[in-house]
Structures are given as C-alpha cells and as structure tokens.
Amino acid sequence: LFPHKFKPREWESEFTAYAEKYPTVRQLVLE
C-alpha cells in the first residue's frame, strides 16, 4: 500500500449535523 497523501481539514460541526440526517447502512438493511 502507498503512504497516503490525503490532506484532511477540521470540519465545522454543521457538517456533523448534516450527516446525522441520513440513514446508516445498518438502518437501510434493517428497513
């Protein structure tokens, strides 16, 4: 495997809130 060169950033808390609106894969599988 190659050493990654992905440069992250510090995401604002609003993006955490955006993500929480969507179902997880577990929820979809159970549905």
All heavy atoms as atom14 arrays in JSON, in Angstrom:
{
  "sequence": "LFPHKFKPREWESEFTAYAEKYPTVRQLVLE",
  "atom14_mask": [
    [1, 1, 1, 1, 1, 1, 1, 1, 0, 0, 0, 0, 0, 0],
    [1, 1, 1, 1, 1, 1, 1, 1, 1, 1, 1, 0, 0, 0],
    [1, 1, 1, 1, 1, 1, 1, 0, 0, 0, 0, 0, 0, 0],
    [1, 1, 1, 1, 1, 1, 1, 1, 1, 1, 0, 0, 0, 0],
    [1, 1, 1, 1, 1, 1, 1, 1, 1, 0, 0, 0, 0, 0],
    [1, 1, 1, 1, 1, 1, 1, 1, 1, 1, 1, 0, 0, 0],
    [1, 1, 1, 1, 1, 1, 1, 1, 1, 0, 0, 0, 0, 0],
    [1, 1, 1, 1, 1, 1, 1, 0, 0, 0, 0, 0, 0, 0],
    [1, 1, 1, 1, 1, 1, 1, 1, 1, 1, 1, 0, 0, 0],
    [1, 1, 1, 1, 1, 1, 1, 1, 1, 0, 0, 0, 0, 0],
    [1, 1, 1, 1, 1, 1, 1, 1, 1, 1, 1, 1, 1, 1],
    [1, 1, 1, 1, 1, 1, 1, 1, 1, 0, 0, 0, 0, 0],
    [1, 1, 1, 1, 1, 1, 0, 0, 0, 0, 0, 0, 0, 0],
    [1, 1, 1, 1, 1, 1, 1, 1, 1, 0, 0, 0, 0, 0],
    [1, 1, 1, 1, 1, 1, 1, 1, 1, 1, 1, 0, 0, 0],
    [1, 1, 1, 1, 1, 1, 1, 0, 0, 0, 0, 0, 0, 0],
    [1, 1, 1, 1, 1, 0, 0, 0, 0, 0, 0, 0, 0, 0],
    [1, 1, 1, 1, 1, 1, 1, 1, 1, 1, 1, 1, 0, 0],
    [1, 1, 1, 1, 1, 0, 0, 0, 0, 0, 0, 0, 0, 0],
    [1, 1, 1, 1, 1, 1, 1, 1, 1, 0, 0, 0, 0, 0],
    [1, 1, 1, 1, 1, 1, 1, 1, 1, 0, 0, 0, 0, 0],
    [1, 1, 1, 1, 1, 1, 1, 1, 1, 1, 1, 1, 0, 0],
    [1, 1, 1, 1, 1, 1, 1, 0, 0, 0, 0, 0, 0, 0],
    [1, 1, 1, 1, 1, 1, 1, 0, 0, 0, 0, 0, 0, 0],
    [1, 1, 1, 1, 1, 1, 1, 0, 0, 0, 0, 0, 0, 0],
    [1, 1, 1, 1, 1, 1, 1, 1, 1, 1, 1, 0, 0, 0],
    [1, 1, 1, 1, 1, 1, 1, 1, 1, 0, 0, 0, 0, 0],
    [1, 1, 1, 1, 1, 1, 1, 1, 0, 0, 0, 0, 0, 0],
    [1, 1, 1, 1, 1, 1, 1, 0, 0, 0, 0, 0, 0, 0],
    [1, 1, 1, 1, 1, 1, 1, 1, 0, 0, 0, 0, 0, 0],
    [1, 1, 1, 1, 1, 1, 1, 1, 1, 0, 0, 0, 0, 0]
  ],
  "atom14_positions": [
    [[0.83, -1.2, 0.0], [0.0, 0.0, 0.0], [0.87, 1.25, 0.0], [1.94, 1.29, 0.6], [-0.91, 0.0, 1.23], [-1.88, -1.19, 1.35], [-2.74, -1.04, 2.6], [-2.75, -1.32, 0.11], [0.0, 0.0, 0.0], [0.0, 0.0, 0.0], [0.0, 0.0, 0.0], [0.0, 0.0, 0.0], [0.0, 0.0, 0.0], [0.0, 0.0, 0.0]],
    [[0.39, 2.26, -0.7], [1.12, 3.52, -0.8], [0.88, 4.37, 0.46], [-0.24, 4.4, 0.97], [0.65, 4.33, -2.02], [0.93, 3.67, -3.34], [0.05, 2.74, -3.87], [2.06, 4.0, -4.07], [0.28, 2.14, -5.09], [2.3, 3.41, -5.29], [1.43, 2.47, -5.81], [0.0, 0.0, 0.0], [0.0, 0.0, 0.0], [0.0, 0.0, 0.0]],
    [[1.88, 5.08, 0.94], [1.62, 6.05, 2.01], [0.64, 7.11, 1.47], [0.9, 7.71, 0.43], [2.99, 6.66, 2.3], [3.98, 5.69, 1.73], [3.3, 5.05, 0.55], [0.0, 0.0, 0.0], [0.0, 0.0, 0.0], [0.0, 0.0, 0.0], [0.0, 0.0, 0.0], [0.0, 0.0, 0.0], [0.0, 0.0, 0.0], [0.0, 0.0, 0.0]],
    [[-0.46, 7.32, 2.17], [-1.47, 8.23, 1.63], [-0.96, 9.68, 1.64], [-0.11, 10.06, 2.46], [-2.78, 8.13, 2.43], [-2.73, 8.79, 3.77], [-2.94, 10.15, 3.94], [-2.49, 8.31, 5.01], [-2.85, 10.46, 5.2], [-2.56, 9.37, 5.89], [0.0, 0.0, 0.0], [0.0, 0.0, 0.0], [0.0, 0.0, 0.0], [0.0, 0.0, 0.0]],
    [[-1.5, 10.47, 0.71], [-1.19, 11.9, 0.65], [-2.46, 12.74, 0.81], [-2.51, 13.89, 0.4], [-0.5, 12.23, -0.68], [0.86, 11.55, -0.85], [1.5, 11.95, -2.17], [2.85, 11.26, -2.34], [3.49, 11.62, -3.64], [0.0, 0.0, 0.0], [0.0, 0.0, 0.0], [0.0, 0.0, 0.0], [0.0, 0.0, 0.0], [0.0, 0.0, 0.0]],
    [[-3.48, 12.11, 1.39], [-4.76, 12.78, 1.59], [-4.6, 13.85, 2.67], [-4.15, 13.57, 3.78], [-5.82, 11.76, 2.02], [-7.21, 12.31, 2.13], [-8.09, 12.24, 1.07], [-7.66, 12.9, 3.3], [-9.38, 12.73, 1.16], [-8.94, 13.4, 3.42], [-9.8, 13.31, 2.34], [0.0, 0.0, 0.0], [0.0, 0.0, 0.0], [0.0, 0.0, 0.0]],
    [[-4.95, 15.07, 2.34], [-4.81, 16.19, 3.27], [-6.18, 16.49, 3.89], [-7.07, 17.0, 3.22], [-4.27, 17.42, 2.56], [-2.86, 17.21, 2.0], [-2.37, 18.46, 1.25], [-0.98, 18.23, 0.68], [-0.49, 19.41, -0.07], [0.0, 0.0, 0.0], [0.0, 0.0, 0.0], [0.0, 0.0, 0.0], [0.0, 0.0, 0.0], [0.0, 0.0, 0.0]],
    [[-6.35, 16.18, 5.17], [-7.64, 16.43, 5.83], [-7.82, 17.89, 6.21], [-6.93, 18.71, 6.0], [-7.56, 15.54, 7.08], [-6.11, 15.46, 7.38], [-5.38, 15.54, 6.06], [0.0, 0.0, 0.0], [0.0, 0.0, 0.0], [0.0, 0.0, 0.0], [0.0, 0.0, 0.0], [0.0, 0.0, 0.0], [0.0, 0.0, 0.0], [0.0, 0.0, 0.0]],
    [[-8.98, 18.21, 6.74], [-9.25, 19.53, 7.29], [-10.12, 19.37, 8.52], [-10.71, 18.3, 8.74], [-9.93, 20.45, 6.26], [-11.4, 20.15, 6.06], [-12.04, 20.99, 4.98], [-12.17, 22.39, 5.29], [-13.19, 22.94, 5.91], [-14.21, 22.18, 6.31], [-13.24, 24.23, 6.13], [0.0, 0.0, 0.0], [0.0, 0.0, 0.0], [0.0, 0.0, 0.0]],
    [[-10.19, 20.38, 9.33], [-11.06, 20.36, 10.51], [-12.45, 20.81, 10.06], [-12.67, 21.98, 9.72], [-10.51, 21.32, 11.57], [-11.15, 21.15, 12.93], [-10.76, 19.87, 13.61], [-9.64, 19.37, 13.38], [-11.6, 19.34, 14.38], [0.0, 0.0, 0.0], [0.0, 0.0, 0.0], [0.0, 0.0, 0.0], [0.0, 0.0, 0.0], [0.0, 0.0, 0.0]],
    [[-13.41, 19.87, 10.06], [-14.75, 20.18, 9.58], [-15.58, 20.85, 10.67], [-15.51, 20.46, 11.84], [-15.45, 18.91, 9.09], [-14.85, 18.4, 7.82], [-13.93, 17.41, 7.68], [-15.12, 18.87, 6.5], [-13.61, 17.23, 6.36], [-14.32, 18.12, 5.61], [-15.96, 19.86, 5.98], [-14.34, 18.33, 4.23], [-15.98, 20.06, 4.6], [-15.18, 19.3, 3.75]],
    [[-16.35, 21.83, 10.26], [-17.24, 22.52, 11.18], [-18.32, 21.56, 11.68], [-18.69, 20.61, 11.0], [-17.88, 23.73, 10.5], [-16.89, 24.83, 10.11], [-16.17, 24.56, 8.8], [-16.38, 23.46, 8.21], [-15.39, 25.41, 8.36], [0.0, 0.0, 0.0], [0.0, 0.0, 0.0], [0.0, 0.0, 0.0], [0.0, 0.0, 0.0], [0.0, 0.0, 0.0]],
    [[-18.84, 21.84, 12.88], [-19.83, 20.95, 13.49], [-21.1, 20.84, 12.65], [-21.83, 19.85, 12.75], [-20.18, 21.45, 14.9], [-20.71, 22.77, 14.86], [0.0, 0.0, 0.0], [0.0, 0.0, 0.0], [0.0, 0.0, 0.0], [0.0, 0.0, 0.0], [0.0, 0.0, 0.0], [0.0, 0.0, 0.0], [0.0, 0.0, 0.0], [0.0, 0.0, 0.0]],
    [[-21.37, 21.83, 11.8], [-22.58, 21.78, 10.98], [-22.56, 20.57, 10.04], [-23.61, 20.01, 9.71], [-22.73, 23.06, 10.16], [-21.62, 23.29, 9.14], [-21.7, 24.65, 8.49], [-22.53, 24.81, 7.58], [-20.93, 25.55, 8.89], [0.0, 0.0, 0.0], [0.0, 0.0, 0.0], [0.0, 0.0, 0.0], [0.0, 0.0, 0.0], [0.0, 0.0, 0.0]],
    [[-21.37, 20.15, 9.61], [-21.29, 19.01, 8.7], [-21.61, 17.71, 9.43], [-22.13, 16.77, 8.83], [-19.92, 18.96, 8.03], [-19.72, 20.06, 7.03], [-19.09, 21.24, 7.37], [-20.22, 19.93, 5.74], [-18.93, 22.26, 6.46], [-20.07, 20.95, 4.81], [-19.43, 22.12, 5.17], [0.0, 0.0, 0.0], [0.0, 0.0, 0.0], [0.0, 0.0, 0.0]],
    [[-21.3, 17.65, 10.71], [-21.72, 16.5, 11.52], [-23.23, 16.45, 11.58], [-23.85, 15.38, 11.45], [-21.15, 16.6, 12.94], [-19.72, 16.64, 12.88], [-21.59, 15.43, 13.79], [0.0, 0.0, 0.0], [0.0, 0.0, 0.0], [0.0, 0.0, 0.0], [0.0, 0.0, 0.0], [0.0, 0.0, 0.0], [0.0, 0.0, 0.0], [0.0, 0.0, 0.0]],
    [[-23.86, 17.61, 11.75], [-25.33, 17.69, 11.8], [-25.94, 17.3, 10.46], [-26.97, 16.62, 10.41], [-25.76, 19.1, 12.2], [0.0, 0.0, 0.0], [0.0, 0.0, 0.0], [0.0, 0.0, 0.0], [0.0, 0.0, 0.0], [0.0, 0.0, 0.0], [0.0, 0.0, 0.0], [0.0, 0.0, 0.0], [0.0, 0.0, 0.0], [0.0, 0.0, 0.0]],
    [[-25.32, 17.72, 9.35], [-25.83, 17.34, 8.04], [-25.84, 15.82, 7.9], [-26.81, 15.21, 7.44], [-24.95, 17.92, 6.92], [-24.95, 19.42, 6.81], [-23.78, 20.1, 6.48], [-26.09, 20.17, 7.04], [-23.76, 21.49, 6.36], [-26.08, 21.55, 6.93], [-24.91, 22.21, 6.59], [-24.89, 23.57, 6.49], [0.0, 0.0, 0.0], [0.0, 0.0, 0.0]],
    [[-24.74, 15.18, 8.3], [-24.6, 13.74, 8.13], [-25.59, 12.96, 8.97], [-26.05, 11.88, 8.57], [-23.17, 13.32, 8.47], [0.0, 0.0, 0.0], [0.0, 0.0, 0.0], [0.0, 0.0, 0.0], [0.0, 0.0, 0.0], [0.0, 0.0, 0.0], [0.0, 0.0, 0.0], [0.0, 0.0, 0.0], [0.0, 0.0, 0.0], [0.0, 0.0, 0.0]],
    [[-25.95, 13.49, 10.13], [-26.86, 12.77, 11.03], [-28.28, 12.68, 10.48], [-29.1, 11.91, 11.0], [-26.88, 13.47, 12.39], [-25.58, 13.29, 13.18], [-25.54, 14.1, 14.45], [-26.46, 14.94, 14.63], [-24.61, 13.92, 15.26], [0.0, 0.0, 0.0], [0.0, 0.0, 0.0], [0.0, 0.0, 0.0], [0.0, 0.0, 0.0], [0.0, 0.0, 0.0]],
    [[-28.59, 13.43, 9.43], [-29.93, 13.4, 8.85], [-30.15, 12.18, 7.96], [-31.28, 11.88, 7.57], [-30.18, 14.66, 8.03], [-30.14, 15.96, 8.85], [-30.3, 17.17, 7.94], [-30.2, 18.47, 8.72], [-30.31, 19.66, 7.83], [0.0, 0.0, 0.0], [0.0, 0.0, 0.0], [0.0, 0.0, 0.0], [0.0, 0.0, 0.0], [0.0, 0.0, 0.0]],
    [[-29.07, 11.49, 7.62], [-29.16, 10.38, 6.67], [-29.15, 9.03, 7.4], [-28.56, 8.89, 8.47], [-27.99, 10.43, 5.68], [-27.99, 11.65, 4.8], [-27.27, 12.77, 5.15], [-28.74, 11.68, 3.63], [-27.27, 13.91, 4.34], [-28.74, 12.8, 2.82], [-28.01, 13.91, 3.18], [-28.01, 15.03, 2.38], [0.0, 0.0, 0.0], [0.0, 0.0, 0.0]],
    [[-29.78, 8.02, 6.79], [-29.75, 6.69, 7.41], [-28.38, 6.05, 7.28], [-27.64, 6.32, 6.33], [-30.79, 5.91, 6.58], [-30.78, 6.57, 5.24], [-30.55, 8.04, 5.53], [0.0, 0.0, 0.0], [0.0, 0.0, 0.0], [0.0, 0.0, 0.0], [0.0, 0.0, 0.0], [0.0, 0.0, 0.0], [0.0, 0.0, 0.0], [0.0, 0.0, 0.0]],
    [[-28.03, 5.22, 8.24], [-26.81, 4.43, 8.16], [-27.07, 3.19, 7.31], [-28.24, 2.85, 7.02], [-26.33, 4.01, 9.54], [-27.31, 3.12, 10.12], [-26.13, 5.23, 10.46], [0.0, 0.0, 0.0], [0.0, 0.0, 0.0], [0.0, 0.0, 0.0], [0.0, 0.0, 0.0], [0.0, 0.0, 0.0], [0.0, 0.0, 0.0], [0.0, 0.0, 0.0]],
    [[-26.02, 2.5, 6.95], [-26.2, 1.28, 6.17], [-26.98, 0.25, 7.0], [-27.8, -0.51, 6.45], [-24.84, 0.72, 5.7], [-23.95, 0.34, 6.87], [-25.05, -0.49, 4.79], [0.0, 0.0, 0.0], [0.0, 0.0, 0.0], [0.0, 0.0, 0.0], [0.0, 0.0, 0.0], [0.0, 0.0, 0.0], [0.0, 0.0, 0.0], [0.0, 0.0, 0.0]],
    [[-26.75, 0.22, 8.3], [-27.48, -0.73, 9.15], [-28.98, -0.43, 9.13], [-29.81, -1.35, 9.03], [-26.94, -0.68, 10.58], [-27.59, -1.72, 11.5], [-27.02, -1.64, 12.92], [-27.63, -2.66, 13.77], [-27.16, -3.89, 13.95], [-26.07, -4.27, 13.28], [-27.76, -4.75, 14.74], [0.0, 0.0, 0.0], [0.0, 0.0, 0.0], [0.0, 0.0, 0.0]],
    [[-29.34, 0.84, 9.25], [-30.76, 1.2, 9.2], [-31.39, 0.79, 7.88], [-32.5, 0.24, 7.85], [-30.92, 2.71, 9.41], [-30.71, 3.17, 10.85], [-30.77, 4.69, 10.95], [-30.01, 5.4, 10.29], [-31.67, 5.19, 11.77], [0.0, 0.0, 0.0], [0.0, 0.0, 0.0], [0.0, 0.0, 0.0], [0.0, 0.0, 0.0], [0.0, 0.0, 0.0]],
    [[-30.72, 1.04, 6.77], [-31.27, 0.7, 5.47], [-31.43, -0.8, 5.3], [-32.43, -1.28, 4.74], [-30.37, 1.26, 4.36], [-30.36, 2.78, 4.21], [-29.38, 3.21, 3.12], [-31.75, 3.31, 3.9], [0.0, 0.0, 0.0], [0.0, 0.0, 0.0], [0.0, 0.0, 0.0], [0.0, 0.0, 0.0], [0.0, 0.0, 0.0], [0.0, 0.0, 0.0]],
    [[-30.45, -1.55, 5.79], [-30.53, -3.01, 5.7], [-31.7, -3.54, 6.54], [-32.45, -4.43, 6.12], [-29.2, -3.65, 6.14], [-29.35, -5.15, 6.37], [-28.13, -3.4, 5.07], [0.0, 0.0, 0.0], [0.0, 0.0, 0.0], [0.0, 0.0, 0.0], [0.0, 0.0, 0.0], [0.0, 0.0, 0.0], [0.0, 0.0, 0.0], [0.0, 0.0, 0.0]],
    [[-31.87, -2.98, 7.74], [-32.98, -3.4, 8.59], [-34.33, -3.02, 7.96], [-35.3, -3.8, 8.04], [-32.84, -2.77, 9.97], [-31.84, -3.44, 10.91], [-31.5, -2.53, 12.08], [-32.38, -4.77, 11.43], [0.0, 0.0, 0.0], [0.0, 0.0, 0.0], [0.0, 0.0, 0.0], [0.0, 0.0, 0.0], [0.0, 0.0, 0.0], [0.0, 0.0, 0.0]],
    [[-34.4, -1.84, 7.36], [-35.64, -1.44, 6.69], [-35.98, -2.4, 5.55], [-37.15, -2.74, 5.34], [-35.52, -0.01, 6.18], [-35.56, 1.05, 7.28], [-35.29, 2.45, 6.76], [-35.28, 2.64, 5.53], [-35.09, 3.37, 7.58], [0.0, 0.0, 0.0], [0.0, 0.0, 0.0], [0.0, 0.0, 0.0], [0.0, 0.0, 0.0], [0.0, 0.0, 0.0]]
  ]
}
